[in-house]
Amino acid sequence: LPRGRVELAVGRDPRERKRMRATASRGRGALTTYEI
């Protein structure tokens, strides 16, 4: 898509503490928009 949005919560990955992960529910709400 030429432009769009990603609205997925971001939280700590329980298996790899240095990583974060995007989920539909767990973690803290997060929104990113993008344009090509």
PDB file of all heavy atoms in Angstrom:
ATOM      1  N   LEU A   1       0.826  -1.204   0.000  1.00  0.00           N
ATOM      2  CA  LEU A   1       0.000   0.000   0.000  1.00  0.00           C
ATOM      3  C   LEU A   1       0.863   1.259   0.000  1.00  0.00           C
ATOM      4  O   LEU A   1       1.903   1.306   0.675  1.00  0.00           O
ATOM      5  CB  LEU A   1      -0.916   0.012   1.220  1.00  0.00           C
ATOM      6  CG  LEU A   1      -1.924  -1.142   1.315  1.00  0.00           C
ATOM      7  CD1 LEU A   1      -2.686  -1.067   2.629  1.00  0.00           C
ATOM      8  CD2 LEU A   1      -2.884  -1.108   0.127  1.00  0.00           C
ATOM      9  N   PRO A   2       0.460   2.308  -0.702  1.00  0.00           N
ATOM     10  CA  PRO A   2       1.249   3.541  -0.738  1.00  0.00           C
ATOM     11  C   PRO A   2       1.336   4.236   0.621  1.00  0.00           C
ATOM     12  O   PRO A   2       2.290   4.955   0.902  1.00  0.00           O
ATOM     13  CB  PRO A   2       0.524   4.417  -1.757  1.00  0.00           C
ATOM     14  CG  PRO A   2      -0.868   3.866  -1.820  1.00  0.00           C
ATOM     15  CD  PRO A   2      -0.738   2.396  -1.572  1.00  0.00           C
ATOM     16  N   ARG A   3       0.356   4.004   1.450  1.00  0.00           N
ATOM     17  CA  ARG A   3       0.374   4.536   2.821  1.00  0.00           C
ATOM     18  C   ARG A   3      -0.493   3.633   3.689  1.00  0.00           C
ATOM     19  O   ARG A   3      -1.373   2.925   3.191  1.00  0.00           O
ATOM     20  CB  ARG A   3      -0.125   5.977   2.865  1.00  0.00           C
ATOM     21  CG  ARG A   3      -1.550   6.177   2.395  1.00  0.00           C
ATOM     22  CD  ARG A   3      -1.911   7.650   2.363  1.00  0.00           C
ATOM     23  NE  ARG A   3      -1.009   8.408   1.525  1.00  0.00           N
ATOM     24  CZ  ARG A   3      -1.106   8.513   0.211  1.00  0.00           C
ATOM     25  NH1 ARG A   3      -2.096   7.874  -0.432  1.00  0.00           N
ATOM     26  NH2 ARG A   3      -0.251   9.219  -0.483  1.00  0.00           N
ATOM     27  N   GLY A   4      -0.241   3.661   4.992  1.00  0.00           N
ATOM     28  CA  GLY A   4      -1.024   2.805   5.875  1.00  0.00           C
ATOM     29  C   GLY A   4      -0.678   3.035   7.332  1.00  0.00           C
ATOM     30  O   GLY A   4       0.045   3.984   7.676  1.00  0.00           O
ATOM     31  N   ARG A   5      -1.186   2.176   8.189  1.00  0.00           N
ATOM     32  CA  ARG A   5      -0.963   2.300   9.624  1.00  0.00           C
ATOM     33  C   ARG A   5      -0.811   0.919  10.244  1.00  0.00           C
ATOM     34  O   ARG A   5      -1.403  -0.057   9.776  1.00  0.00           O
ATOM     35  CB  ARG A   5      -2.105   3.066  10.296  1.00  0.00           C
ATOM     36  CG  ARG A   5      -3.470   2.468  10.080  1.00  0.00           C
ATOM     37  CD  ARG A   5      -4.568   3.417  10.525  1.00  0.00           C
ATOM     38  NE  ARG A   5      -4.765   3.421  11.974  1.00  0.00           N
ATOM     39  CZ  ARG A   5      -4.994   4.507  12.699  1.00  0.00           C
ATOM     40  NH1 ARG A   5      -5.044   5.692  12.113  1.00  0.00           N
ATOM     41  NH2 ARG A   5      -5.182   4.439  13.996  1.00  0.00           N
ATOM     42  N   VAL A   6      -0.023   0.868  11.280  1.00  0.00           N
ATOM     43  CA  VAL A   6       0.136  -0.344  12.078  1.00  0.00           C
ATOM     44  C   VAL A   6      -0.252   0.027  13.500  1.00  0.00           C
ATOM     45  O   VAL A   6       0.379   0.894  14.114  1.00  0.00           O
ATOM     46  CB  VAL A   6       1.579  -0.881  12.053  1.00  0.00           C
ATOM     47  CG1 VAL A   6       1.681  -2.178  12.857  1.00  0.00           C
ATOM     48  CG2 VAL A   6       2.055  -1.107  10.624  1.00  0.00           C
ATOM     49  N   GLU A   7      -1.303  -0.579  14.002  1.00  0.00           N
ATOM     50  CA  GLU A   7      -1.774  -0.293  15.356  1.00  0.00           C
ATOM     51  C   GLU A   7      -1.786  -1.594  16.139  1.00  0.00           C
ATOM     52  O   GLU A   7      -2.785  -2.307  16.172  1.00  0.00           O
ATOM     53  CB  GLU A   7      -3.152   0.357  15.325  1.00  0.00           C
ATOM     54  CG  GLU A   7      -3.577   0.943  16.664  1.00  0.00           C
ATOM     55  CD  GLU A   7      -4.755   1.893  16.547  1.00  0.00           C
ATOM     56  OE1 GLU A   7      -5.333   1.986  15.445  1.00  0.00           O
ATOM     57  OE2 GLU A   7      -5.091   2.539  17.551  1.00  0.00           O
ATOM     58  N   LEU A   8      -0.645  -1.914  16.730  1.00  0.00           N
ATOM     59  CA  LEU A   8      -0.472  -3.128  17.514  1.00  0.00           C
ATOM     60  C   LEU A   8       0.270  -2.771  18.800  1.00  0.00           C
ATOM     61  O   LEU A   8       1.244  -1.994  18.771  1.00  0.00           O
ATOM     62  CB  LEU A   8       0.332  -4.184  16.748  1.00  0.00           C
ATOM     63  CG  LEU A   8      -0.357  -4.867  15.559  1.00  0.00           C
ATOM     64  CD1 LEU A   8       0.652  -5.690  14.778  1.00  0.00           C
ATOM     65  CD2 LEU A   8      -1.503  -5.743  16.050  1.00  0.00           C
ATOM     66  N   ALA A   9      -0.170  -3.338  19.908  1.00  0.00           N
ATOM     67  CA  ALA A   9       0.512  -3.103  21.181  1.00  0.00           C
ATOM     68  C   ALA A   9       1.943  -3.632  21.107  1.00  0.00           C
ATOM     69  O   ALA A   9       2.235  -4.591  20.392  1.00  0.00           O
ATOM     70  CB  ALA A   9      -0.246  -3.786  22.310  1.00  0.00           C
ATOM     71  N   VAL A  10       2.832  -2.986  21.841  1.00  0.00           N
ATOM     72  CA  VAL A  10       4.230  -3.398  21.884  1.00  0.00           C
ATOM     73  C   VAL A  10       4.584  -3.748  23.326  1.00  0.00           C
ATOM     74  O   VAL A  10       4.342  -2.954  24.242  1.00  0.00           O
ATOM     75  CB  VAL A  10       5.159  -2.284  21.363  1.00  0.00           C
ATOM     76  CG1 VAL A  10       6.622  -2.670  21.571  1.00  0.00           C
ATOM     77  CG2 VAL A  10       4.887  -2.018  19.886  1.00  0.00           C
ATOM     78  N   GLY A  11       5.122  -4.940  23.522  1.00  0.00           N
ATOM     79  CA  GLY A  11       5.496  -5.389  24.866  1.00  0.00           C
ATOM     80  C   GLY A  11       6.782  -6.189  24.827  1.00  0.00           C
ATOM     81  O   GLY A  11       7.275  -6.558  23.757  1.00  0.00           O
ATOM     82  N   ARG A  12       7.335  -6.463  25.986  1.00  0.00           N
ATOM     83  CA  ARG A  12       8.573  -7.213  26.102  1.00  0.00           C
ATOM     84  C   ARG A  12       8.353  -8.662  25.685  1.00  0.00           C
ATOM     85  O   ARG A  12       7.369  -9.289  26.039  1.00  0.00           O
ATOM     86  CB  ARG A  12       9.071  -7.170  27.549  1.00  0.00           C
ATOM     87  CG  ARG A  12      10.425  -7.788  27.806  1.00  0.00           C
ATOM     88  CD  ARG A  12      11.550  -6.960  27.286  1.00  0.00           C
ATOM     89  NE  ARG A  12      11.583  -5.612  27.847  1.00  0.00           N
ATOM     90  CZ  ARG A  12      12.485  -4.698  27.490  1.00  0.00           C
ATOM     91  NH1 ARG A  12      13.388  -4.974  26.553  1.00  0.00           N
ATOM     92  NH2 ARG A  12      12.457  -3.501  28.029  1.00  0.00           N
ATOM     93  N   ASP A  13       9.269  -9.199  24.897  1.00  0.00           N
ATOM     94  CA  ASP A  13       9.213 -10.607  24.508  1.00  0.00           C
ATOM     95  C   ASP A  13       9.570 -11.449  25.730  1.00  0.00           C
ATOM     96  O   ASP A  13      10.659 -11.298  26.289  1.00  0.00           O
ATOM     97  CB  ASP A  13      10.214 -10.870  23.371  1.00  0.00           C
ATOM     98  CG  ASP A  13      10.064 -12.255  22.772  1.00  0.00           C
ATOM     99  OD1 ASP A  13       9.869 -13.221  23.538  1.00  0.00           O
ATOM    100  OD2 ASP A  13      10.155 -12.387  21.540  1.00  0.00           O
ATOM    101  N   PRO A  14       8.674 -12.335  26.184  1.00  0.00           N
ATOM    102  CA  PRO A  14       8.947 -13.097  27.402  1.00  0.00           C
ATOM    103  C   PRO A  14      10.099 -14.083  27.272  1.00  0.00           C
ATOM    104  O   PRO A  14      10.675 -14.516  28.282  1.00  0.00           O
ATOM    105  CB  PRO A  14       7.618 -13.834  27.655  1.00  0.00           C
ATOM    106  CG  PRO A  14       6.977 -13.920  26.313  1.00  0.00           C
ATOM    107  CD  PRO A  14       7.368 -12.661  25.601  1.00  0.00           C
ATOM    108  N   ARG A  15      10.443 -14.439  26.058  1.00  0.00           N
ATOM    109  CA  ARG A  15      11.525 -15.419  25.858  1.00  0.00           C
ATOM    110  C   ARG A  15      12.875 -14.761  25.637  1.00  0.00           C
ATOM    111  O   ARG A  15      13.906 -15.318  26.006  1.00  0.00           O
ATOM    112  CB  ARG A  15      11.185 -16.311  24.655  1.00  0.00           C
ATOM    113  CG  ARG A  15       9.938 -17.162  24.876  1.00  0.00           C
ATOM    114  CD  ARG A  15       9.657 -18.021  23.663  1.00  0.00           C
ATOM    115  NE  ARG A  15       8.459 -18.841  23.862  1.00  0.00           N
ATOM    116  CZ  ARG A  15       7.952 -19.651  22.945  1.00  0.00           C
ATOM    117  NH1 ARG A  15       8.542 -19.740  21.750  1.00  0.00           N
ATOM    118  NH2 ARG A  15       6.863 -20.351  23.198  1.00  0.00           N
ATOM    119  N   GLU A  16      12.884 -13.582  25.022  1.00  0.00           N
ATOM    120  CA  GLU A  16      14.129 -12.862  24.767  1.00  0.00           C
ATOM    121  C   GLU A  16      13.964 -11.441  25.275  1.00  0.00           C
ATOM    122  O   GLU A  16      13.340 -10.609  24.618  1.00  0.00           O
ATOM    123  CB  GLU A  16      14.468 -12.861  23.279  1.00  0.00           C
ATOM    124  CG  GLU A  16      14.711 -14.240  22.689  1.00  0.00           C
ATOM    125  CD  GLU A  16      15.110 -14.174  21.232  1.00  0.00           C
ATOM    126  OE1 GLU A  16      16.071 -13.446  20.918  1.00  0.00           O
ATOM    127  OE2 GLU A  16      14.449 -14.827  20.405  1.00  0.00           O
ATOM    128  N   ARG A  17      14.526 -11.156  26.448  1.00  0.00           N
ATOM    129  CA  ARG A  17      14.259  -9.903  27.140  1.00  0.00           C
ATOM    130  C   ARG A  17      14.815  -8.680  26.424  1.00  0.00           C
ATOM    131  O   ARG A  17      14.387  -7.561  26.691  1.00  0.00           O
ATOM    132  CB  ARG A  17      14.848  -9.956  28.560  1.00  0.00           C
ATOM    133  CG  ARG A  17      14.264 -11.077  29.415  1.00  0.00           C
ATOM    134  CD  ARG A  17      12.761 -10.942  29.582  1.00  0.00           C
ATOM    135  NE  ARG A  17      12.381  -9.767  30.348  1.00  0.00           N
ATOM    136  CZ  ARG A  17      11.141  -9.326  30.464  1.00  0.00           C
ATOM    137  NH1 ARG A  17      10.155  -9.947  29.837  1.00  0.00           N
ATOM    138  NH2 ARG A  17      10.874  -8.259  31.184  1.00  0.00           N
ATOM    139  N   LYS A  18      15.748  -8.868  25.490  1.00  0.00           N
ATOM    140  CA  LYS A  18      16.284  -7.728  24.758  1.00  0.00           C
ATOM    141  C   LYS A  18      15.390  -7.332  23.592  1.00  0.00           C
ATOM    142  O   LYS A  18      15.603  -6.303  22.971  1.00  0.00           O
ATOM    143  CB  LYS A  18      17.690  -8.042  24.245  1.00  0.00           C
ATOM    144  CG  LYS A  18      18.736  -8.160  25.348  1.00  0.00           C
ATOM    145  CD  LYS A  18      20.117  -8.372  24.752  1.00  0.00           C
ATOM    146  CE  LYS A  18      21.166  -8.440  25.857  1.00  0.00           C
ATOM    147  NZ  LYS A  18      22.533  -8.624  25.292  1.00  0.00           N
ATOM    148  N   ARG A  19      14.404  -8.176  23.302  1.00  0.00           N
ATOM    149  CA  ARG A  19      13.513  -7.923  22.178  1.00  0.00           C
ATOM    150  C   ARG A  19      12.143  -7.456  22.655  1.00  0.00           C
ATOM    151  O   ARG A  19      11.705  -7.782  23.753  1.00  0.00           O
ATOM    152  CB  ARG A  19      13.308  -9.207  21.351  1.00  0.00           C
ATOM    153  CG  ARG A  19      14.489  -9.650  20.550  1.00  0.00           C
ATOM    154  CD  ARG A  19      14.246 -11.044  19.982  1.00  0.00           C
ATOM    155  NE  ARG A  19      12.992 -11.141  19.258  1.00  0.00           N
ATOM    156  CZ  ARG A  19      12.867 -11.048  17.944  1.00  0.00           C
ATOM    157  NH1 ARG A  19      13.940 -10.865  17.200  1.00  0.00           N
ATOM    158  NH2 ARG A  19      11.693 -11.146  17.356  1.00  0.00           N
ATOM    159  N   MET A  20      11.474  -6.707  21.805  1.00  0.00           N
ATOM    160  CA  MET A  20      10.079  -6.373  22.015  1.00  0.00           C
ATOM    161  C   MET A  20       9.276  -7.137  20.972  1.00  0.00           C
ATOM    162  O   MET A  20       9.837  -7.668  20.005  1.00  0.00           O
ATOM    163  CB  MET A  20       9.860  -4.862  21.868  1.00  0.00           C
ATOM    164  CG  MET A  20      10.774  -3.996  22.713  1.00  0.00           C
ATOM    165  SD  MET A  20      10.590  -4.257  24.495  1.00  0.00           S
ATOM    166  CE  MET A  20       9.021  -3.414  24.769  1.00  0.00           C
ATOM    167  N   ARG A  21       7.963  -7.189  21.153  1.00  0.00           N
ATOM    168  CA  ARG A  21       7.137  -7.842  20.146  1.00  0.00           C
ATOM    169  C   ARG A  21       5.802  -7.118  20.032  1.00  0.00           C
ATOM    170  O   ARG A  21       5.335  -6.488  20.977  1.00  0.00           O
ATOM    171  CB  ARG A  21       6.922  -9.315  20.476  1.00  0.00           C
ATOM    172  CG  ARG A  21       6.088  -9.572  21.716  1.00  0.00           C
ATOM    173  CD  ARG A  21       5.826 -11.058  21.882  1.00  0.00           C
ATOM    174  NE  ARG A  21       4.956 -11.320  23.021  1.00  0.00           N
ATOM    175  CZ  ARG A  21       4.491 -12.525  23.317  1.00  0.00           C
ATOM    176  NH1 ARG A  21       4.825 -13.568  22.581  1.00  0.00           N
ATOM    177  NH2 ARG A  21       3.704 -12.691  24.365  1.00  0.00           N
ATOM    178  N   ALA A  22       5.214  -7.221  18.847  1.00  0.00           N
ATOM    179  CA  ALA A  22       3.916  -6.595  18.590  1.00  0.00           C
ATOM    180  C   ALA A  22       2.824  -7.628  18.759  1.00  0.00           C
ATOM    181  O   ALA A  22       2.940  -8.754  18.272  1.00  0.00           O
ATOM    182  CB  ALA A  22       3.879  -6.021  17.174  1.00  0.00           C
ATOM    183  N   THR A  23       1.761  -7.250  19.467  1.00  0.00           N
ATOM    184  CA  THR A  23       0.637  -8.151  19.699  1.00  0.00           C
ATOM    185  C   THR A  23      -0.654  -7.374  19.529  1.00  0.00           C
ATOM    186  O   THR A  23      -0.668  -6.147  19.509  1.00  0.00           O
ATOM    187  CB  THR A  23       0.676  -8.751  21.120  1.00  0.00           C
ATOM    188  OG1 THR A  23       0.469  -7.695  22.070  1.00  0.00           O
ATOM    189  CG2 THR A  23       1.998  -9.439  21.408  1.00  0.00           C
ATOM    190  N   ALA A  24      -1.739  -8.090  19.420  1.00  0.00           N
ATOM    191  CA  ALA A  24      -3.034  -7.434  19.273  1.00  0.00           C
ATOM    192  C   ALA A  24      -3.582  -6.941  20.607  1.00  0.00           C
ATOM    193  O   ALA A  24      -4.449  -6.071  20.644  1.00  0.00           O
ATOM    194  CB  ALA A  24      -4.026  -8.388  18.619  1.00  0.00           C
ATOM    195  N   SER A  25      -3.096  -7.509  21.721  1.00  0.00           N
ATOM    196  CA  SER A  25      -3.702  -7.169  23.004  1.00  0.00           C
ATOM    197  C   SER A  25      -2.693  -6.877  24.110  1.00  0.00           C
ATOM    198  O   SER A  25      -2.820  -5.888  24.819  1.00  0.00           O
ATOM    199  CB  SER A  25      -4.630  -8.311  23.456  1.00  0.00           C
ATOM    200  OG  SER A  25      -3.913  -9.528  23.523  1.00  0.00           O
ATOM    201  N   ARG A  26      -1.672  -7.721  24.275  1.00  0.00           N
ATOM    202  CA  ARG A  26      -0.734  -7.540  25.383  1.00  0.00           C
ATOM    203  C   ARG A  26       0.246  -6.413  25.079  1.00  0.00           C
ATOM    204  O   ARG A  26       0.486  -6.061  23.950  1.00  0.00           O
ATOM    205  CB  ARG A  26       0.022  -8.840  25.671  1.00  0.00           C
ATOM    206  CG  ARG A  26      -0.912  -9.999  26.043  1.00  0.00           C
ATOM    207  CD  ARG A  26      -0.114 -11.255  26.311  1.00  0.00           C
ATOM    208  NE  ARG A  26       0.754 -11.098  27.466  1.00  0.00           N
ATOM    209  CZ  ARG A  26       0.373 -11.272  28.727  1.00  0.00           C
ATOM    210  NH1 ARG A  26      -0.884 -11.597  28.992  1.00  0.00           N
ATOM    211  NH2 ARG A  26       1.222 -11.134  29.723  1.00  0.00           N
ATOM    212  N   GLY A  27       0.828  -5.840  26.147  1.00  0.00           N
ATOM    213  CA  GLY A  27       1.751  -4.734  25.964  1.00  0.00           C
ATOM    214  C   GLY A  27       1.027  -3.398  26.001  1.00  0.00           C
ATOM    215  O   GLY A  27      -0.125  -3.299  26.409  1.00  0.00           O
ATOM    216  N   ARG A  28       1.718  -2.360  25.557  1.00  0.00           N
ATOM    217  CA  ARG A  28       1.173  -1.007  25.578  1.00  0.00           C
ATOM    218  C   ARG A  28       0.775  -0.599  24.167  1.00  0.00           C
ATOM    219  O   ARG A  28       1.476  -0.879  23.202  1.00  0.00           O
ATOM    220  CB  ARG A  28       2.213  -0.039  26.142  1.00  0.00           C
ATOM    221  CG  ARG A  28       2.605  -0.346  27.586  1.00  0.00           C
ATOM    222  CD  ARG A  28       3.764   0.519  28.023  1.00  0.00           C
ATOM    223  NE  ARG A  28       3.404   1.936  27.995  1.00  0.00           N
ATOM    224  CZ  ARG A  28       4.301   2.916  28.103  1.00  0.00           C
ATOM    225  NH1 ARG A  28       5.588   2.632  28.222  1.00  0.00           N
ATOM    226  NH2 ARG A  28       3.905   4.175  28.087  1.00  0.00           N
ATOM    227  N   GLY A  29      -0.372   0.077  24.065  1.00  0.00           N
ATOM    228  CA  GLY A  29      -0.869   0.493  22.770  1.00  0.00           C
ATOM    229  C   GLY A  29       0.156   1.296  21.983  1.00  0.00           C
ATOM    230  O   GLY A  29       0.869   2.131  22.548  1.00  0.00           O
ATOM    231  N   ALA A  30       0.237   1.036  20.686  1.00  0.00           N
ATOM    232  CA  ALA A  30       1.219   1.723  19.849  1.00  0.00           C
ATOM    233  C   ALA A  30       0.658   1.911  18.449  1.00  0.00           C
ATOM    234  O   ALA A  30      -0.001   1.015  17.910  1.00  0.00           O
ATOM    235  CB  ALA A  30       2.520   0.936  19.796  1.00  0.00           C
ATOM    236  N   LEU A  31       0.936   3.070  17.855  1.00  0.00           N
ATOM    237  CA  LEU A  31       0.443   3.392  16.515  1.00  0.00           C
ATOM    238  C   LEU A  31       1.568   3.986  15.677  1.00  0.00           C
ATOM    239  O   LEU A  31       2.251   4.917  16.103  1.00  0.00           O
ATOM    240  CB  LEU A  31      -0.715   4.395  16.591  1.00  0.00           C
ATOM    241  CG  LEU A  31      -1.174   5.009  15.264  1.00  0.00           C
ATOM    242  CD1 LEU A  31      -1.723   3.942  14.320  1.00  0.00           C
ATOM    243  CD2 LEU A  31      -2.213   6.097  15.512  1.00  0.00           C
ATOM    244  N   THR A  32       1.739   3.429  14.490  1.00  0.00           N
ATOM    245  CA  THR A  32       2.698   3.937  13.522  1.00  0.00           C
ATOM    246  C   THR A  32       1.975   4.139  12.195  1.00  0.00           C
ATOM    247  O   THR A  32       1.206   3.272  11.775  1.00  0.00           O
ATOM    248  CB  THR A  32       3.858   2.940  13.307  1.00  0.00           C
ATOM    249  OG1 THR A  32       4.558   2.743  14.531  1.00  0.00           O
ATOM    250  CG2 THR A  32       4.827   3.454  12.247  1.00  0.00           C
ATOM    251  N   THR A  33       2.201   5.271  11.546  1.00  0.00           N
ATOM    252  CA  THR A  33       1.705   5.459  10.181  1.00  0.00           C
ATOM    253  C   THR A  33       2.911   5.544   9.250  1.00  0.00           C
ATOM    254  O   THR A  33       4.010   5.929   9.663  1.00  0.00           O
ATOM    255  CB  THR A  33       0.836   6.724  10.044  1.00  0.00           C
ATOM    256  OG1 THR A  33       1.590   7.863  10.476  1.00  0.00           O
ATOM    257  CG2 THR A  33      -0.423   6.599  10.877  1.00  0.00           C
ATOM    258  N   TYR A  34       2.681   5.172   7.986  1.00  0.00           N
ATOM    259  CA  TYR A  34       3.788   5.175   7.031  1.00  0.00           C
ATOM    260  C   TYR A  34       3.307   5.624   5.665  1.00  0.00           C
ATOM    261  O   TYR A  34       2.127   5.547   5.342  1.00  0.00           O
ATOM    262  CB  TYR A  34       4.437   3.790   6.938  1.00  0.00           C
ATOM    263  CG  TYR A  34       3.548   2.729   6.332  1.00  0.00           C
ATOM    264  CD1 TYR A  34       3.495   2.538   4.947  1.00  0.00           C
ATOM    265  CD2 TYR A  34       2.752   1.916   7.141  1.00  0.00           C
ATOM    266  CE1 TYR A  34       2.670   1.573   4.389  1.00  0.00           C
ATOM    267  CE2 TYR A  34       1.927   0.950   6.586  1.00  0.00           C
ATOM    268  CZ  TYR A  34       1.902   0.775   5.213  1.00  0.00           C
ATOM    269  OH  TYR A  34       1.075  -0.169   4.665  1.00  0.00           O
ATOM    270  N   GLU A  35       4.256   6.077   4.856  1.00  0.00           N
ATOM    271  CA  GLU A  35       3.978   6.468   3.484  1.00  0.00           C
ATOM    272  C   GLU A  35       5.190   6.120   2.629  1.00  0.00           C
ATOM    273  O   GLU A  35       6.342   6.360   3.039  1.00  0.00           O
ATOM    274  CB  GLU A  35       3.690   7.958   3.402  1.00  0.00           C
ATOM    275  CG  GLU A  35       3.303   8.436   2.009  1.00  0.00           C
ATOM    276  CD  GLU A  35       2.800   9.866   2.001  1.00  0.00           C
ATOM    277  OE1 GLU A  35       2.551  10.410   3.101  1.00  0.00           O
ATOM    278  OE2 GLU A  35       2.666  10.430   0.905  1.00  0.00           O
ATOM    279  N   ILE A  36       4.939   5.537   1.464  1.00  0.00           N
ATOM    280  CA  ILE A  36       6.039   5.162   0.579  1.00  0.00           C
ATOM    281  C   ILE A  36       6.639   6.412  -0.054  1.00  0.00           C
ATOM    282  O   ILE A  36       5.931   7.267  -0.586  1.00  0.00           O
ATOM    283  CB  ILE A  36       5.564   4.188  -0.509  1.00  0.00           C
ATOM    284  CG1 ILE A  36       5.211   2.832   0.118  1.00  0.00           C
ATOM    285  CG2 ILE A  36       6.634   4.006  -1.586  1.00  0.00           C
ATOM    286  CD1 ILE A  36       4.674   1.812  -0.862  1.00  0.00           C
TER     287      ILE A  36
END
